[in-house]
Structures are given as structure tokens and as C-alpha cells.
Amino acid sequence: MCIMALGAIAPIIGILSSVGSAIVGYAAQKQAADEQNAYYARNARAAQIAAVNQYANEQNQIIQKRNAASQQVDETHRAALQARSTARVAAGEAGVTGLSVDALINDYYGREGRRVDSIDQNYEMDRDYMRANMESTRAQAEQRINSVKQAAEPSFADAAIRIVTGITSGAVNMAKGGATMAMAF
């Protein structure tokens, strides 16, 4: 009688084992997916923070370069004004007038203009270079984020199939066991 009861319980234990195994497997897959997605989120946040810091650094450099260029332009204007004033005073004290003095003054204006243009062009090249660095920073952040895969949520369908398979297998074993017991009597 005890053997008969054990034979009837064995398929039920198999069913419970299959169901439990499927549930535990699903829970483990879910936990692994959650951990991977949390890692992805931390990596993305760190990449974004690094990019923002780099952007701020590049922006500060652009501001510093612009301020330096502005200061150089101001100094150039002052130096040119001083040179023109000195030339006019010297010409006036020497009693020199005419085209030669005008040519000298115009030369100072030309030098001033060329120097200011050179300063502006250098600033623009530096600014463009730093903007390209900012675009590179964006691409690096994007690449860093994309280097970590997001996990797909596990499918409960897999667990459901294992549960149904376990139940079906247990039911078949129970049916076989019932047929075997009926033959024994």
C-alpha cells in the first residue's frame, strides 16, 4: 500500500519540481536582466556626466580664447593709435607734411587691420577646433553608451512552456502509474 502511495506521489513531486524549476529559472533570468539594465543605466549616466564636463571645459576654453583675442585686438588698436600719433607729432615738429606723412599714417592703418584680421582668423580656427572636439566628445559618449548592451526582459512564455511540459509529463506518468496499479490488482 505504501509503495502504491509513493508511486502516486512521485508524478506530483515531478510536477511540482518542474513548476518550481521554471519559476526559479524565470526569476534568475529576470534578476540578471535587471542587473544588466541597471549597469547600462549607470554607464549611460557616467558617459553623459563625462560629456557634460568635457563640454563645459571646451566652452570655457572658447571663452578664454575669445577674451584673449579681444584683448589682443584692443592692444593692437592702442599700439596703432600711439604709432600714428607719434608719427603725426614727429612730422609736425619737423615741419613735414604731405603725401609721405599720409602714406606713413596709412601704413599704420594697414598694419593694424592686418594684425586684427590675423587675430580674428586665429580665434575662429581655435573656436572651430574646439567645437569639433565637442562633437568628438558627443560621439565618444554615444559610443560608450552603446558599448553596453541593454538586456531584454525574459519571456514568461519559456517558463510557461516548461511548466506545461512538467505538468503534462507528470500527468502521463500518473496515468501510466494508474494503469500499472490497476493491472496489479
N, C-alpha and C. Protein backbone atom coordinates (compact mmCIF):
# COMPACT_ATOMS: atom_id res chain seq x y z
N MET A 1 0.82 -1.18 0.00
CA MET A 1 0.00 0.00 0.00
C MET A 1 0.88 1.26 0.00
N CYS A 2 1.94 1.23 0.81
CA CYS A 2 2.88 2.35 0.90
C CYS A 2 3.59 2.56 -0.43
N ILE A 3 3.91 1.46 -1.10
CA ILE A 3 4.57 1.55 -2.40
C ILE A 3 3.61 2.16 -3.41
N MET A 4 2.33 1.80 -3.32
CA MET A 4 1.34 2.33 -4.22
C MET A 4 1.18 3.84 -4.01
N ALA A 5 1.17 4.30 -2.77
CA ALA A 5 1.04 5.72 -2.46
C ALA A 5 2.27 6.48 -2.95
N LEU A 6 3.42 5.88 -2.76
CA LEU A 6 4.66 6.51 -3.23
C LEU A 6 4.65 6.63 -4.75
N GLY A 7 4.12 5.63 -5.44
CA GLY A 7 4.03 5.66 -6.90
C GLY A 7 3.08 6.75 -7.37
N ALA A 8 2.05 7.03 -6.60
CA ALA A 8 1.10 8.08 -6.96
C ALA A 8 1.66 9.46 -6.66
N ILE A 9 2.48 9.56 -5.64
CA ILE A 9 3.05 10.85 -5.24
C ILE A 9 4.21 11.27 -6.13
N ALA A 10 4.95 10.32 -6.65
CA ALA A 10 6.13 10.62 -7.45
C ALA A 10 5.82 11.53 -8.64
N PRO A 11 4.76 11.29 -9.44
CA PRO A 11 4.46 12.21 -10.54
C PRO A 11 4.09 13.61 -10.05
N ILE A 12 3.41 13.69 -8.91
CA ILE A 12 3.04 15.01 -8.35
C ILE A 12 4.30 15.76 -7.94
N ILE A 13 5.23 15.07 -7.34
CA ILE A 13 6.51 15.69 -6.96
C ILE A 13 7.25 16.15 -8.21
N GLY A 14 7.20 15.36 -9.25
CA GLY A 14 7.83 15.75 -10.52
C GLY A 14 7.19 17.00 -11.09
N ILE A 15 5.84 17.07 -11.00
CA ILE A 15 5.14 18.26 -11.50
C ILE A 15 5.56 19.49 -10.69
N LEU A 16 5.54 19.36 -9.37
CA LEU A 16 5.93 20.48 -8.50
C LEU A 16 7.38 20.90 -8.74
N SER A 17 8.22 19.91 -8.95
CA SER A 17 9.63 20.20 -9.23
C SER A 17 9.79 20.97 -10.54
N SER A 18 9.06 20.55 -11.57
CA SER A 18 9.13 21.24 -12.86
C SER A 18 8.61 22.66 -12.76
N VAL A 19 7.49 22.83 -12.06
CA VAL A 19 6.91 24.17 -11.88
C VAL A 19 7.88 25.05 -11.09
N GLY A 20 8.40 24.51 -10.01
CA GLY A 20 9.34 25.30 -9.18
C GLY A 20 10.60 25.67 -9.95
N SER A 21 11.11 24.72 -10.70
CA SER A 21 12.31 24.97 -11.50
C SER A 21 12.06 26.06 -12.53
N ALA A 22 10.91 26.02 -13.18
CA ALA A 22 10.58 27.03 -14.18
C ALA A 22 10.46 28.41 -13.55
N ILE A 23 9.82 28.47 -12.38
CA ILE A 23 9.65 29.76 -11.70
C ILE A 23 11.00 30.31 -11.24
N VAL A 24 11.82 29.47 -10.65
CA VAL A 24 13.15 29.90 -10.20
C VAL A 24 14.00 30.33 -11.39
N GLY A 25 13.92 29.60 -12.49
CA GLY A 25 14.69 29.96 -13.69
C GLY A 25 14.26 31.31 -14.23
N TYR A 26 12.95 31.54 -14.27
CA TYR A 26 12.43 32.84 -14.73
C TYR A 26 12.91 33.96 -13.81
N ALA A 27 12.84 33.73 -12.51
CA ALA A 27 13.26 34.76 -11.54
C ALA A 27 14.75 35.07 -11.71
N ALA A 28 15.56 34.05 -11.95
CA ALA A 28 17.00 34.27 -12.14
C ALA A 28 17.25 35.06 -13.42
N GLN A 29 16.53 34.73 -14.51
CA GLN A 29 16.68 35.49 -15.75
C GLN A 29 16.24 36.94 -15.57
N LYS A 30 15.15 37.13 -14.83
CA LYS A 30 14.64 38.48 -14.58
C LYS A 30 15.66 39.28 -13.77
N GLN A 31 16.24 38.67 -12.75
CA GLN A 31 17.24 39.36 -11.93
C GLN A 31 18.48 39.71 -12.76
N ALA A 32 18.93 38.79 -13.59
CA ALA A 32 20.09 39.06 -14.44
C ALA A 32 19.80 40.20 -15.41
N ALA A 33 18.60 40.21 -15.98
CA ALA A 33 18.22 41.29 -16.91
C ALA A 33 18.15 42.63 -16.17
N ASP A 34 17.59 42.62 -14.96
CA ASP A 34 17.51 43.85 -14.17
C ASP A 34 18.90 44.38 -13.83
N GLU A 35 19.80 43.48 -13.45
CA GLU A 35 21.17 43.90 -13.13
C GLU A 35 21.88 44.46 -14.36
N GLN A 36 21.71 43.82 -15.52
CA GLN A 36 22.34 44.31 -16.75
C GLN A 36 21.79 45.68 -17.12
N ASN A 37 20.48 45.86 -17.00
CA ASN A 37 19.87 47.15 -17.33
C ASN A 37 20.29 48.24 -16.35
N ALA A 38 20.48 47.87 -15.08
CA ALA A 38 20.97 48.84 -14.10
C ALA A 38 22.41 49.25 -14.45
N TYR A 39 23.22 48.28 -14.86
CA TYR A 39 24.60 48.57 -15.28
C TYR A 39 24.59 49.49 -16.50
N TYR A 40 23.70 49.20 -17.46
CA TYR A 40 23.57 50.04 -18.65
C TYR A 40 23.22 51.48 -18.24
N ALA A 41 22.26 51.62 -17.33
CA ALA A 41 21.83 52.96 -16.89
C ALA A 41 22.97 53.70 -16.19
N ARG A 42 23.72 53.00 -15.33
CA ARG A 42 24.86 53.65 -14.65
C ARG A 42 25.92 54.08 -15.66
N ASN A 43 26.21 53.21 -16.63
CA ASN A 43 27.19 53.53 -17.66
C ASN A 43 26.74 54.73 -18.50
N ALA A 44 25.47 54.75 -18.89
CA ALA A 44 24.94 55.86 -19.69
C ALA A 44 25.03 57.16 -18.90
N ARG A 45 24.68 57.11 -17.63
CA ARG A 45 24.72 58.32 -16.79
C ARG A 45 26.17 58.82 -16.66
N ALA A 46 27.09 57.91 -16.43
CA ALA A 46 28.50 58.30 -16.30
C ALA A 46 29.02 58.90 -17.60
N ALA A 47 28.64 58.32 -18.73
CA ALA A 47 29.06 58.85 -20.04
C ALA A 47 28.49 60.24 -20.25
N GLN A 48 27.23 60.45 -19.87
CA GLN A 48 26.61 61.76 -20.03
C GLN A 48 27.28 62.80 -19.14
N ILE A 49 27.58 62.44 -17.91
CA ILE A 49 28.24 63.38 -17.00
C ILE A 49 29.63 63.74 -17.53
N ALA A 50 30.36 62.74 -18.01
CA ALA A 50 31.70 63.00 -18.57
C ALA A 50 31.59 63.92 -19.78
N ALA A 51 30.59 63.70 -20.62
CA ALA A 51 30.42 64.56 -21.80
C ALA A 51 30.07 65.99 -21.39
N VAL A 52 29.19 66.14 -20.43
CA VAL A 52 28.82 67.49 -19.97
C VAL A 52 30.04 68.21 -19.40
N ASN A 53 30.85 67.50 -18.63
CA ASN A 53 32.07 68.11 -18.08
C ASN A 53 33.03 68.52 -19.19
N GLN A 54 33.17 67.66 -20.20
CA GLN A 54 34.05 67.99 -21.32
C GLN A 54 33.51 69.18 -22.11
N TYR A 55 32.18 69.21 -22.31
CA TYR A 55 31.57 70.36 -23.00
C TYR A 55 31.86 71.64 -22.24
N ALA A 56 31.70 71.61 -20.93
CA ALA A 56 31.95 72.80 -20.11
C ALA A 56 33.40 73.24 -20.24
N ASN A 57 34.31 72.28 -20.24
CA ASN A 57 35.74 72.60 -20.39
C ASN A 57 36.00 73.25 -21.74
N GLU A 58 35.43 72.69 -22.80
CA GLU A 58 35.62 73.27 -24.14
C GLU A 58 35.00 74.66 -24.22
N GLN A 59 33.83 74.83 -23.64
CA GLN A 59 33.18 76.15 -23.65
C GLN A 59 34.05 77.18 -22.91
N ASN A 60 34.61 76.78 -21.78
CA ASN A 60 35.50 77.68 -21.04
C ASN A 60 36.72 78.06 -21.87
N GLN A 61 37.26 77.09 -22.58
CA GLN A 61 38.41 77.39 -23.43
C GLN A 61 38.03 78.35 -24.56
N ILE A 62 36.85 78.17 -25.12
CA ILE A 62 36.39 79.09 -26.18
C ILE A 62 36.26 80.50 -25.61
N ILE A 63 35.68 80.62 -24.44
CA ILE A 63 35.52 81.94 -23.81
C ILE A 63 36.89 82.56 -23.53
N GLN A 64 37.82 81.76 -23.01
CA GLN A 64 39.16 82.28 -22.73
C GLN A 64 39.86 82.73 -24.02
N LYS A 65 39.73 81.92 -25.07
CA LYS A 65 40.36 82.31 -26.35
C LYS A 65 39.71 83.58 -26.90
N ARG A 66 38.39 83.69 -26.78
CA ARG A 66 37.70 84.89 -27.27
C ARG A 66 38.16 86.12 -26.48
N ASN A 67 38.26 85.97 -25.16
CA ASN A 67 38.72 87.10 -24.33
C ASN A 67 40.17 87.48 -24.66
N ALA A 68 41.01 86.50 -24.87
CA ALA A 68 42.41 86.78 -25.22
C ALA A 68 42.49 87.49 -26.57
N ALA A 69 41.69 87.02 -27.54
CA ALA A 69 41.69 87.65 -28.87
C ALA A 69 41.19 89.09 -28.77
N SER A 70 40.16 89.30 -27.97
CA SER A 70 39.61 90.65 -27.79
C SER A 70 40.67 91.57 -27.17
N GLN A 71 41.39 91.05 -26.21
CA GLN A 71 42.45 91.83 -25.57
C GLN A 71 43.57 92.15 -26.57
N GLN A 72 43.94 91.20 -27.40
CA GLN A 72 44.97 91.43 -28.41
C GLN A 72 44.52 92.49 -29.42
N VAL A 73 43.24 92.44 -29.79
CA VAL A 73 42.72 93.44 -30.73
C VAL A 73 42.79 94.83 -30.09
N ASP A 74 42.36 94.91 -28.83
CA ASP A 74 42.42 96.21 -28.14
C ASP A 74 43.85 96.73 -28.06
N GLU A 75 44.79 95.85 -27.72
CA GLU A 75 46.19 96.27 -27.64
C GLU A 75 46.71 96.70 -29.01
N THR A 76 46.28 96.00 -30.05
CA THR A 76 46.69 96.37 -31.41
C THR A 76 46.16 97.75 -31.76
N HIS A 77 44.90 98.02 -31.44
CA HIS A 77 44.32 99.35 -31.72
C HIS A 77 45.07 100.45 -30.95
N ARG A 78 45.36 100.18 -29.69
CA ARG A 78 46.09 101.18 -28.89
C ARG A 78 47.49 101.43 -29.46
N ALA A 79 48.20 100.35 -29.78
CA ALA A 79 49.56 100.48 -30.31
C ALA A 79 49.54 101.23 -31.65
N ALA A 80 48.55 100.91 -32.50
CA ALA A 80 48.47 101.59 -33.80
C ALA A 80 48.13 103.07 -33.62
N LEU A 81 47.22 103.36 -32.70
CA LEU A 81 46.86 104.76 -32.43
C LEU A 81 48.08 105.52 -31.90
N GLN A 82 48.82 104.87 -31.02
CA GLN A 82 50.02 105.51 -30.47
C GLN A 82 51.06 105.74 -31.58
N ALA A 83 51.25 104.77 -32.45
CA ALA A 83 52.23 104.91 -33.53
C ALA A 83 51.81 106.03 -34.49
N ARG A 84 50.51 106.10 -34.81
CA ARG A 84 50.04 107.17 -35.70
C ARG A 84 50.21 108.54 -35.04
N SER A 85 49.89 108.59 -33.76
CA SER A 85 50.03 109.87 -33.05
C SER A 85 51.48 110.31 -32.98
N THR A 86 52.35 109.36 -32.70
CA THR A 86 53.78 109.68 -32.63
C THR A 86 54.28 110.16 -33.99
N ALA A 87 53.85 109.51 -35.06
CA ALA A 87 54.27 109.90 -36.42
C ALA A 87 53.77 111.30 -36.76
N ARG A 88 52.52 111.60 -36.40
CA ARG A 88 51.96 112.93 -36.70
C ARG A 88 52.71 114.01 -35.92
N VAL A 89 52.95 113.74 -34.64
CA VAL A 89 53.66 114.74 -33.82
C VAL A 89 55.08 114.95 -34.35
N ALA A 90 55.76 113.84 -34.65
CA ALA A 90 57.14 113.96 -35.15
C ALA A 90 57.16 114.70 -36.48
N ALA A 91 56.19 114.42 -37.35
CA ALA A 91 56.13 115.10 -38.64
C ALA A 91 55.82 116.57 -38.44
N GLY A 92 54.90 116.85 -37.52
CA GLY A 92 54.55 118.24 -37.25
C GLY A 92 55.71 119.02 -36.68
N GLU A 93 56.46 118.43 -35.75
CA GLU A 93 57.60 119.11 -35.15
C GLU A 93 58.71 119.33 -36.17
N ALA A 94 58.80 118.40 -37.11
CA ALA A 94 59.84 118.53 -38.13
C ALA A 94 59.38 119.39 -39.29
N GLY A 95 58.10 119.76 -39.28
CA GLY A 95 57.57 120.58 -40.35
C GLY A 95 57.35 119.81 -41.63
N VAL A 96 57.19 118.50 -41.51
CA VAL A 96 56.98 117.66 -42.70
C VAL A 96 55.48 117.45 -42.86
N THR A 97 54.98 117.63 -44.05
CA THR A 97 53.56 117.40 -44.36
C THR A 97 53.48 116.77 -45.74
N GLY A 98 52.26 116.39 -46.10
CA GLY A 98 52.07 115.90 -47.47
C GLY A 98 51.88 114.41 -47.56
N LEU A 99 52.16 113.94 -48.77
CA LEU A 99 51.88 112.55 -49.10
C LEU A 99 52.74 111.56 -48.32
N SER A 100 53.94 111.90 -48.02
CA SER A 100 54.79 110.95 -47.31
C SER A 100 54.27 110.70 -45.89
N VAL A 101 53.78 111.76 -45.24
CA VAL A 101 53.21 111.59 -43.90
C VAL A 101 51.91 110.80 -44.01
N ASP A 102 51.08 111.14 -45.02
CA ASP A 102 49.83 110.40 -45.22
C ASP A 102 50.11 108.92 -45.51
N ALA A 103 51.13 108.63 -46.29
CA ALA A 103 51.49 107.25 -46.61
C ALA A 103 51.92 106.51 -45.34
N LEU A 104 52.68 107.17 -44.49
CA LEU A 104 53.13 106.56 -43.24
C LEU A 104 51.92 106.25 -42.34
N ILE A 105 51.01 107.20 -42.21
CA ILE A 105 49.82 107.00 -41.38
C ILE A 105 48.96 105.87 -41.96
N ASN A 106 48.79 105.87 -43.28
CA ASN A 106 48.01 104.80 -43.92
C ASN A 106 48.67 103.44 -43.73
N ASP A 107 49.99 103.40 -43.72
CA ASP A 107 50.70 102.15 -43.47
C ASP A 107 50.39 101.63 -42.07
N TYR A 108 50.34 102.53 -41.09
CA TYR A 108 49.98 102.13 -39.73
C TYR A 108 48.55 101.56 -39.70
N TYR A 109 47.64 102.20 -40.43
CA TYR A 109 46.27 101.67 -40.51
C TYR A 109 46.26 100.27 -41.14
N GLY A 110 47.02 100.09 -42.19
CA GLY A 110 47.09 98.80 -42.87
C GLY A 110 47.65 97.71 -41.96
N ARG A 111 48.73 98.03 -41.25
CA ARG A 111 49.31 97.05 -40.33
C ARG A 111 48.29 96.68 -39.24
N GLU A 112 47.61 97.70 -38.74
CA GLU A 112 46.60 97.46 -37.70
C GLU A 112 45.51 96.52 -38.22
N GLY A 113 45.02 96.78 -39.41
CA GLY A 113 43.96 95.94 -39.99
C GLY A 113 44.40 94.51 -40.22
N ARG A 114 45.62 94.37 -40.75
CA ARG A 114 46.13 93.01 -40.99
C ARG A 114 46.31 92.25 -39.67
N ARG A 115 46.79 92.94 -38.66
CA ARG A 115 47.00 92.30 -37.35
C ARG A 115 45.65 91.88 -36.74
N VAL A 116 44.66 92.76 -36.83
CA VAL A 116 43.33 92.44 -36.28
C VAL A 116 42.72 91.27 -37.05
N ASP A 117 42.86 91.26 -38.39
CA ASP A 117 42.35 90.14 -39.18
C ASP A 117 43.02 88.83 -38.79
N SER A 118 44.33 88.90 -38.58
CA SER A 118 45.08 87.70 -38.18
C SER A 118 44.60 87.19 -36.82
N ILE A 119 44.39 88.09 -35.88
CA ILE A 119 43.90 87.69 -34.55
C ILE A 119 42.52 87.05 -34.67
N ASP A 120 41.63 87.67 -35.45
CA ASP A 120 40.27 87.13 -35.64
C ASP A 120 40.30 85.75 -36.29
N GLN A 121 41.13 85.60 -37.32
CA GLN A 121 41.21 84.30 -38.00
C GLN A 121 41.75 83.22 -37.06
N ASN A 122 42.77 83.57 -36.28
CA ASN A 122 43.31 82.58 -35.33
C ASN A 122 42.25 82.18 -34.31
N TYR A 123 41.50 83.16 -33.81
CA TYR A 123 40.45 82.84 -32.85
C TYR A 123 39.40 81.93 -33.50
N GLU A 124 38.99 82.24 -34.70
CA GLU A 124 37.97 81.44 -35.38
C GLU A 124 38.45 80.01 -35.61
N MET A 125 39.71 79.85 -35.96
CA MET A 125 40.25 78.49 -36.15
C MET A 125 40.27 77.73 -34.82
N ASP A 126 40.71 78.41 -33.75
CA ASP A 126 40.71 77.77 -32.43
C ASP A 126 39.28 77.38 -32.01
N ARG A 127 38.34 78.29 -32.24
CA ARG A 127 36.95 78.04 -31.87
C ARG A 127 36.40 76.85 -32.66
N ASP A 128 36.66 76.81 -33.96
CA ASP A 128 36.18 75.70 -34.78
C ASP A 128 36.80 74.37 -34.34
N TYR A 129 38.07 74.41 -33.98
CA TYR A 129 38.75 73.21 -33.49
C TYR A 129 38.09 72.72 -32.20
N MET A 130 37.79 73.63 -31.30
CA MET A 130 37.17 73.24 -30.03
C MET A 130 35.74 72.75 -30.24
N ARG A 131 35.04 73.33 -31.19
CA ARG A 131 33.69 72.83 -31.50
C ARG A 131 33.76 71.42 -32.08
N ALA A 132 34.77 71.16 -32.87
CA ALA A 132 34.96 69.80 -33.40
C ALA A 132 35.27 68.83 -32.25
N ASN A 133 36.04 69.30 -31.27
CA ASN A 133 36.31 68.47 -30.10
C ASN A 133 35.02 68.16 -29.35
N MET A 134 34.12 69.13 -29.30
CA MET A 134 32.83 68.92 -28.63
C MET A 134 32.02 67.86 -29.37
N GLU A 135 32.06 67.88 -30.68
CA GLU A 135 31.35 66.87 -31.47
C GLU A 135 31.99 65.50 -31.25
N SER A 136 33.30 65.48 -31.14
CA SER A 136 34.01 64.23 -30.85
C SER A 136 33.61 63.71 -29.47
N THR A 137 33.47 64.61 -28.52
CA THR A 137 33.04 64.22 -27.17
C THR A 137 31.66 63.59 -27.22
N ARG A 138 30.75 64.16 -28.01
CA ARG A 138 29.40 63.62 -28.14
C ARG A 138 29.45 62.21 -28.73
N ALA A 139 30.28 62.04 -29.75
CA ALA A 139 30.40 60.73 -30.39
C ALA A 139 31.00 59.71 -29.42
N GLN A 140 31.98 60.11 -28.63
CA GLN A 140 32.58 59.20 -27.66
C GLN A 140 31.57 58.79 -26.59
N ALA A 141 30.76 59.75 -26.13
CA ALA A 141 29.74 59.42 -25.13
C ALA A 141 28.73 58.45 -25.71
N GLU A 142 28.33 58.69 -26.94
CA GLU A 142 27.37 57.80 -27.60
C GLU A 142 27.97 56.40 -27.76
N GLN A 143 29.23 56.34 -28.15
CA GLN A 143 29.90 55.05 -28.32
C GLN A 143 30.01 54.32 -26.98
N ARG A 144 30.32 55.08 -25.94
CA ARG A 144 30.45 54.47 -24.60
C ARG A 144 29.11 53.90 -24.15
N ILE A 145 28.04 54.65 -24.39
CA ILE A 145 26.71 54.18 -24.01
C ILE A 145 26.34 52.93 -24.81
N ASN A 146 26.61 52.97 -26.10
CA ASN A 146 26.25 51.84 -26.96
C ASN A 146 27.14 50.62 -26.77
N SER A 147 28.26 50.77 -26.06
CA SER A 147 29.15 49.62 -25.86
C SER A 147 28.59 48.64 -24.83
N VAL A 148 27.60 49.09 -24.06
CA VAL A 148 26.98 48.20 -23.07
C VAL A 148 25.58 47.87 -23.57
N LYS A 149 25.31 46.58 -23.67
CA LYS A 149 24.00 46.15 -24.19
C LYS A 149 22.95 46.22 -23.09
N GLN A 150 21.74 46.59 -23.53
CA GLN A 150 20.60 46.50 -22.64
C GLN A 150 20.07 45.07 -22.72
N ALA A 151 19.61 44.57 -21.59
CA ALA A 151 19.07 43.21 -21.58
C ALA A 151 17.59 43.24 -21.91
N ALA A 152 17.17 42.25 -22.66
CA ALA A 152 15.75 42.11 -22.94
C ALA A 152 15.11 41.43 -21.73
N GLU A 153 13.89 41.82 -21.44
CA GLU A 153 13.18 41.18 -20.34
C GLU A 153 12.97 39.71 -20.70
N PRO A 154 13.15 38.81 -19.73
CA PRO A 154 12.94 37.40 -20.05
C PRO A 154 11.46 37.15 -20.36
N SER A 155 11.25 36.19 -21.20
CA SER A 155 9.89 35.84 -21.60
C SER A 155 9.29 34.83 -20.62
N PHE A 156 8.10 35.12 -20.16
CA PHE A 156 7.43 34.16 -19.29
C PHE A 156 6.95 32.97 -20.10
N ALA A 157 6.91 33.11 -21.43
CA ALA A 157 6.47 32.01 -22.29
C ALA A 157 7.37 30.79 -22.12
N ASP A 158 8.68 31.03 -21.98
CA ASP A 158 9.62 29.92 -21.78
C ASP A 158 9.29 29.19 -20.48
N ALA A 159 9.07 29.96 -19.41
CA ALA A 159 8.72 29.34 -18.13
C ALA A 159 7.38 28.62 -18.24
N ALA A 160 6.42 29.23 -18.93
CA ALA A 160 5.10 28.60 -19.09
C ALA A 160 5.21 27.28 -19.85
N ILE A 161 6.04 27.25 -20.88
CA ILE A 161 6.22 26.02 -21.65
C ILE A 161 6.83 24.93 -20.77
N ARG A 162 7.82 25.32 -19.94
CA ARG A 162 8.42 24.33 -19.04
C ARG A 162 7.42 23.84 -18.00
N ILE A 163 6.56 24.75 -17.52
CA ILE A 163 5.54 24.35 -16.55
C ILE A 163 4.56 23.37 -17.19
N VAL A 164 4.06 23.72 -18.38
CA VAL A 164 3.11 22.85 -19.08
C VAL A 164 3.75 21.50 -19.40
N THR A 165 5.00 21.53 -19.83
CA THR A 165 5.71 20.27 -20.13
C THR A 165 5.82 19.42 -18.87
N GLY A 166 6.14 20.05 -17.75
CA GLY A 166 6.25 19.31 -16.48
C GLY A 166 4.93 18.73 -16.05
N ILE A 167 3.86 19.52 -16.20
CA ILE A 167 2.53 19.03 -15.82
C ILE A 167 2.12 17.88 -16.74
N THR A 168 2.35 18.05 -18.03
CA THR A 168 1.99 17.01 -18.99
C THR A 168 2.76 15.72 -18.71
N SER A 169 4.05 15.88 -18.47
CA SER A 169 4.89 14.71 -18.18
C SER A 169 4.41 14.03 -16.91
N GLY A 170 4.09 14.84 -15.89
CA GLY A 170 3.61 14.27 -14.63
C GLY A 170 2.27 13.57 -14.82
N ALA A 171 1.40 14.18 -15.61
CA ALA A 171 0.09 13.57 -15.85
C ALA A 171 0.24 12.24 -16.58
N VAL A 172 1.14 12.21 -17.57
CA VAL A 172 1.39 10.96 -18.30
C VAL A 172 1.92 9.90 -17.35
N ASN A 173 2.86 10.29 -16.48
CA ASN A 173 3.42 9.34 -15.52
C ASN A 173 2.35 8.86 -14.55
N MET A 174 1.45 9.78 -14.16
CA MET A 174 0.37 9.39 -13.26
C MET A 174 -0.56 8.39 -13.95
N ALA A 175 -0.83 8.66 -15.24
CA ALA A 175 -1.71 7.77 -15.99
C ALA A 175 -1.07 6.40 -16.15
N LYS A 176 0.23 6.39 -16.42
CA LYS A 176 0.95 5.12 -16.54
C LYS A 176 0.94 4.38 -15.20
N GLY A 177 1.15 5.16 -14.16
CA GLY A 177 1.15 4.56 -12.81
C GLY A 177 -0.21 4.03 -12.45
N GLY A 178 -1.26 4.73 -12.83
CA GLY A 178 -2.62 4.25 -12.54
C GLY A 178 -2.92 2.98 -13.32
N ALA A 179 -2.48 2.91 -14.56
CA ALA A 179 -2.71 1.72 -15.36
C ALA A 179 -1.93 0.54 -14.79
N THR A 180 -0.72 0.83 -14.33
CA THR A 180 0.11 -0.23 -13.76
C THR A 180 -0.51 -0.74 -12.46
N MET A 181 -1.05 0.19 -11.67
CA MET A 181 -1.68 -0.23 -10.40
C MET A 181 -2.94 -1.04 -10.67
N ALA A 182 -3.69 -0.67 -11.69
CA ALA A 182 -4.92 -1.39 -12.00
C ALA A 182 -4.59 -2.80 -12.43
N MET A 183 -3.49 -2.99 -13.10
CA MET A 183 -3.08 -4.32 -13.53
C MET A 183 -2.62 -5.16 -12.36
N ALA A 184 -2.05 -4.48 -11.37
CA ALA A 184 -1.52 -5.21 -10.20
C ALA A 184 -2.67 -5.80 -9.40
N PHE A 185 -3.86 -5.26 -9.42
CA PHE A 185 -4.98 -5.79 -8.65
C PHE A 185 -5.73 -6.72 -9.44
